[in-house]
């Protein structure tokens, strides 16, 4: 399910701003239920409207908490892919 969705630039920026503000790494944030729920809310808000209707915020938060290792890897890969693209463009 999660692989079919990309994290758009706005959500990436919100995630990075959230982690910076809280002085957390993605791993630390995903390990704590409260911050995990906040990350789920950020990602959920960036999903297309139809998807948000199908997958409620509560379902998304439960999924993020129960599958935190998987989700952490997914988000980290998406954040790194953007950073890698920026590095390639700068060269």
N, C-alpha and C. Protein backbone atom coordinates (compact mmCIF):
# COMPACT_ATOMS: atom_id res chain seq x y z
N UNK A 1 0.83 -1.19 0.00
CA UNK A 1 0.00 0.00 0.00
C UNK A 1 0.87 1.25 0.00
N UNK A 2 1.81 1.33 0.90
CA UNK A 2 2.56 2.56 1.11
C UNK A 2 3.50 2.87 -0.06
N UNK A 3 3.96 1.85 -0.78
CA UNK A 3 4.91 2.08 -1.87
C UNK A 3 4.28 2.81 -3.05
N UNK A 4 2.97 2.78 -3.16
CA UNK A 4 2.32 3.43 -4.29
C UNK A 4 2.21 4.94 -4.11
N UNK A 5 2.55 5.45 -2.95
CA UNK A 5 2.46 6.88 -2.69
C UNK A 5 3.85 7.49 -2.54
N UNK A 6 4.00 8.64 -3.13
CA UNK A 6 5.22 9.41 -2.97
C UNK A 6 4.98 10.48 -1.91
N UNK A 7 6.04 10.92 -1.30
CA UNK A 7 5.94 12.02 -0.34
C UNK A 7 6.29 13.28 -1.12
N UNK A 8 5.33 14.19 -1.21
CA UNK A 8 5.57 15.40 -2.01
C UNK A 8 6.51 16.36 -1.28
N UNK A 9 6.98 17.35 -2.01
CA UNK A 9 7.98 18.29 -1.46
C UNK A 9 7.47 19.04 -0.24
N UNK A 10 6.20 19.40 -0.24
CA UNK A 10 5.62 20.12 0.90
C UNK A 10 5.68 19.26 2.16
N UNK A 11 5.31 17.99 2.03
CA UNK A 11 5.33 17.07 3.18
C UNK A 11 6.76 16.81 3.61
N UNK A 12 7.67 16.66 2.66
CA UNK A 12 9.09 16.49 3.01
C UNK A 12 9.59 17.65 3.85
N UNK A 13 9.26 18.87 3.42
CA UNK A 13 9.68 20.06 4.16
C UNK A 13 9.06 20.08 5.55
N UNK A 14 7.78 19.74 5.64
CA UNK A 14 7.12 19.70 6.95
C UNK A 14 7.78 18.67 7.86
N UNK A 15 8.09 17.50 7.32
CA UNK A 15 8.75 16.47 8.12
C UNK A 15 10.12 16.95 8.60
N UNK A 16 10.88 17.52 7.69
CA UNK A 16 12.21 17.99 8.06
C UNK A 16 12.12 19.12 9.09
N UNK A 17 11.17 20.03 8.91
CA UNK A 17 10.98 21.12 9.87
C UNK A 17 10.57 20.58 11.24
N UNK A 18 9.67 19.58 11.23
CA UNK A 18 9.22 18.97 12.49
C UNK A 18 10.40 18.34 13.23
N UNK A 19 11.19 17.55 12.51
CA UNK A 19 12.33 16.88 13.14
C UNK A 19 13.35 17.88 13.66
N UNK A 20 13.58 18.94 12.90
CA UNK A 20 14.52 19.98 13.32
C UNK A 20 14.01 20.69 14.57
N UNK A 21 12.74 21.04 14.55
CA UNK A 21 12.13 21.75 15.69
C UNK A 21 12.19 20.92 16.96
N UNK A 22 11.91 19.63 16.83
CA UNK A 22 11.90 18.73 18.00
C UNK A 22 13.29 18.21 18.34
N UNK A 23 14.27 18.52 17.48
CA UNK A 23 15.65 18.05 17.66
C UNK A 23 15.70 16.53 17.76
N UNK A 24 15.02 15.88 16.80
CA UNK A 24 14.95 14.43 16.74
C UNK A 24 15.43 13.94 15.39
N UNK A 25 15.93 12.71 15.39
CA UNK A 25 16.15 12.04 14.12
C UNK A 25 14.85 11.34 13.77
N UNK A 26 14.74 10.90 12.54
CA UNK A 26 13.54 10.18 12.13
C UNK A 26 13.37 8.92 12.98
N UNK A 27 14.47 8.23 13.23
CA UNK A 27 14.44 7.01 14.04
C UNK A 27 13.92 7.29 15.45
N UNK A 28 14.41 8.35 16.07
CA UNK A 28 13.95 8.71 17.42
C UNK A 28 12.47 9.07 17.41
N UNK A 29 12.05 9.83 16.42
CA UNK A 29 10.65 10.26 16.34
C UNK A 29 9.72 9.07 16.12
N UNK A 30 10.14 8.12 15.31
CA UNK A 30 9.29 6.96 15.04
C UNK A 30 9.22 6.02 16.24
N UNK A 31 10.20 6.07 17.13
CA UNK A 31 10.25 5.17 18.29
C UNK A 31 9.32 5.61 19.42
N UNK A 32 8.93 6.87 19.43
CA UNK A 32 8.02 7.39 20.46
C UNK A 32 6.62 7.51 19.88
N UNK A 33 5.64 6.99 20.58
CA UNK A 33 4.29 6.95 20.03
C UNK A 33 3.72 8.34 19.72
N UNK A 34 3.96 9.30 20.59
CA UNK A 34 3.40 10.65 20.38
C UNK A 34 3.98 11.29 19.11
N UNK A 35 5.30 11.25 18.97
CA UNK A 35 5.90 11.85 17.77
C UNK A 35 5.61 11.02 16.53
N UNK A 36 5.48 9.71 16.69
CA UNK A 36 5.09 8.84 15.59
C UNK A 36 3.72 9.26 15.06
N UNK A 37 2.79 9.53 15.98
CA UNK A 37 1.45 9.98 15.58
C UNK A 37 1.50 11.32 14.86
N UNK A 38 2.39 12.20 15.29
CA UNK A 38 2.51 13.50 14.63
C UNK A 38 3.07 13.35 13.22
N UNK A 39 4.02 12.45 13.05
CA UNK A 39 4.56 12.19 11.71
C UNK A 39 3.47 11.59 10.82
N UNK A 40 2.69 10.67 11.38
CA UNK A 40 1.58 10.09 10.61
C UNK A 40 0.61 11.18 10.18
N UNK A 41 0.34 12.13 11.06
CA UNK A 41 -0.59 13.23 10.73
C UNK A 41 -0.02 14.11 9.62
N UNK A 42 1.27 14.37 9.64
CA UNK A 42 1.90 15.18 8.59
C UNK A 42 1.79 14.47 7.24
N UNK A 43 2.12 13.18 7.23
CA UNK A 43 2.04 12.41 5.98
C UNK A 43 0.59 12.29 5.52
N UNK A 44 -0.32 12.03 6.45
CA UNK A 44 -1.74 11.88 6.12
C UNK A 44 -2.29 13.15 5.49
N UNK A 45 -1.91 14.30 6.02
CA UNK A 45 -2.39 15.58 5.48
C UNK A 45 -1.93 15.81 4.05
N UNK A 46 -0.82 15.20 3.66
CA UNK A 46 -0.29 15.37 2.31
C UNK A 46 -0.82 14.39 1.29
N UNK A 47 -1.65 13.44 1.73
CA UNK A 47 -2.21 12.46 0.81
C UNK A 47 -3.36 13.08 0.01
N UNK A 48 -3.63 12.54 -1.17
CA UNK A 48 -4.78 13.01 -1.94
C UNK A 48 -6.08 12.84 -1.13
N UNK A 49 -7.04 13.71 -1.38
CA UNK A 49 -8.29 13.71 -0.62
C UNK A 49 -9.00 12.37 -0.58
N UNK A 50 -9.06 11.67 -1.71
CA UNK A 50 -9.74 10.38 -1.77
C UNK A 50 -9.05 9.37 -0.86
N UNK A 51 -7.74 9.40 -0.85
CA UNK A 51 -6.99 8.46 -0.01
C UNK A 51 -7.21 8.79 1.46
N UNK A 52 -7.25 10.08 1.80
CA UNK A 52 -7.51 10.48 3.19
C UNK A 52 -8.88 9.99 3.65
N UNK A 53 -9.85 9.95 2.74
CA UNK A 53 -11.18 9.46 3.11
C UNK A 53 -11.15 7.96 3.36
N UNK A 54 -10.38 7.23 2.56
CA UNK A 54 -10.30 5.77 2.70
C UNK A 54 -9.50 5.40 3.94
N UNK A 55 -8.36 6.07 4.12
CA UNK A 55 -7.48 5.80 5.27
C UNK A 55 -7.57 6.96 6.23
N UNK A 56 -8.38 6.80 7.25
CA UNK A 56 -8.56 7.87 8.24
C UNK A 56 -7.24 8.12 8.97
N UNK A 57 -7.17 9.27 9.61
CA UNK A 57 -5.97 9.61 10.38
C UNK A 57 -5.73 8.56 11.47
N UNK A 58 -6.78 8.11 12.13
CA UNK A 58 -6.63 7.09 13.17
C UNK A 58 -6.03 5.81 12.63
N UNK A 59 -6.51 5.37 11.47
CA UNK A 59 -5.96 4.16 10.85
C UNK A 59 -4.50 4.37 10.48
N UNK A 60 -4.20 5.54 9.95
CA UNK A 60 -2.83 5.85 9.54
C UNK A 60 -1.92 5.86 10.76
N UNK A 61 -2.36 6.46 11.85
CA UNK A 61 -1.53 6.50 13.06
C UNK A 61 -1.30 5.10 13.61
N UNK A 62 -2.33 4.27 13.62
CA UNK A 62 -2.18 2.88 14.08
C UNK A 62 -1.20 2.13 13.19
N UNK A 63 -1.35 2.29 11.89
CA UNK A 63 -0.47 1.64 10.93
C UNK A 63 0.98 2.10 11.12
N UNK A 64 1.19 3.40 11.28
CA UNK A 64 2.54 3.93 11.48
C UNK A 64 3.15 3.37 12.76
N UNK A 65 2.36 3.23 13.81
CA UNK A 65 2.90 2.74 15.08
C UNK A 65 3.21 1.25 14.99
N UNK A 66 2.29 0.48 14.43
CA UNK A 66 2.48 -0.97 14.37
C UNK A 66 3.59 -1.36 13.40
N UNK A 67 3.76 -0.60 12.36
CA UNK A 67 4.77 -0.91 11.32
C UNK A 67 5.87 0.15 11.29
N UNK A 68 6.25 0.66 12.45
CA UNK A 68 7.17 1.80 12.51
C UNK A 68 8.51 1.54 11.84
N UNK A 69 9.05 0.32 11.92
CA UNK A 69 10.34 0.05 11.28
C UNK A 69 10.20 0.15 9.76
N UNK A 70 9.15 -0.43 9.23
CA UNK A 70 8.89 -0.38 7.79
C UNK A 70 8.67 1.06 7.32
N UNK A 71 7.84 1.78 8.03
CA UNK A 71 7.51 3.16 7.66
C UNK A 71 8.74 4.05 7.78
N UNK A 72 9.51 3.84 8.83
CA UNK A 72 10.73 4.64 9.01
C UNK A 72 11.65 4.46 7.81
N UNK A 73 11.82 3.23 7.37
CA UNK A 73 12.66 2.96 6.20
C UNK A 73 12.12 3.63 4.95
N UNK A 74 10.80 3.56 4.77
CA UNK A 74 10.16 4.17 3.61
C UNK A 74 10.38 5.68 3.60
N UNK A 75 10.11 6.32 4.72
CA UNK A 75 10.25 7.78 4.80
C UNK A 75 11.72 8.18 4.64
N UNK A 76 12.61 7.45 5.29
CA UNK A 76 14.04 7.77 5.18
C UNK A 76 14.51 7.65 3.74
N UNK A 77 14.07 6.60 3.04
CA UNK A 77 14.43 6.44 1.63
C UNK A 77 13.94 7.61 0.79
N UNK A 78 12.70 8.05 1.05
CA UNK A 78 12.13 9.17 0.28
C UNK A 78 12.86 10.47 0.58
N UNK A 79 13.20 10.69 1.83
CA UNK A 79 13.93 11.92 2.18
C UNK A 79 15.34 11.90 1.60
N UNK A 80 15.99 10.74 1.63
CA UNK A 80 17.34 10.63 1.09
C UNK A 80 17.34 10.75 -0.43
N UNK A 81 16.31 10.22 -1.09
CA UNK A 81 16.27 10.30 -2.55
C UNK A 81 16.20 11.75 -2.99
N UNK A 82 15.50 12.58 -2.27
CA UNK A 82 15.42 14.00 -2.59
C UNK A 82 16.77 14.65 -2.37
N UNK A 83 17.42 14.34 -1.26
CA UNK A 83 18.74 14.91 -0.97
C UNK A 83 19.76 14.45 -2.01
N UNK A 84 19.66 13.21 -2.45
CA UNK A 84 20.55 12.69 -3.49
C UNK A 84 20.33 13.39 -4.82
N UNK A 85 19.08 13.67 -5.16
CA UNK A 85 18.77 14.37 -6.40
C UNK A 85 19.31 15.79 -6.36
N UNK A 86 19.20 16.45 -5.21
CA UNK A 86 19.72 17.81 -5.08
C UNK A 86 21.24 17.82 -5.25
N UNK A 87 21.91 16.81 -4.70
CA UNK A 87 23.36 16.72 -4.81
C UNK A 87 23.76 16.51 -6.27
N UNK A 88 23.03 15.64 -6.98
CA UNK A 88 23.33 15.38 -8.39
C UNK A 88 23.14 16.65 -9.22
N UNK A 89 22.07 17.40 -8.95
CA UNK A 89 21.79 18.61 -9.70
C UNK A 89 22.84 19.68 -9.44
N UNK A 90 23.39 19.71 -8.23
CA UNK A 90 24.38 20.72 -7.87
C UNK A 90 25.71 20.47 -8.58
N UNK A 91 25.99 19.23 -8.94
CA UNK A 91 27.28 18.89 -9.58
C UNK A 91 27.30 19.28 -11.00
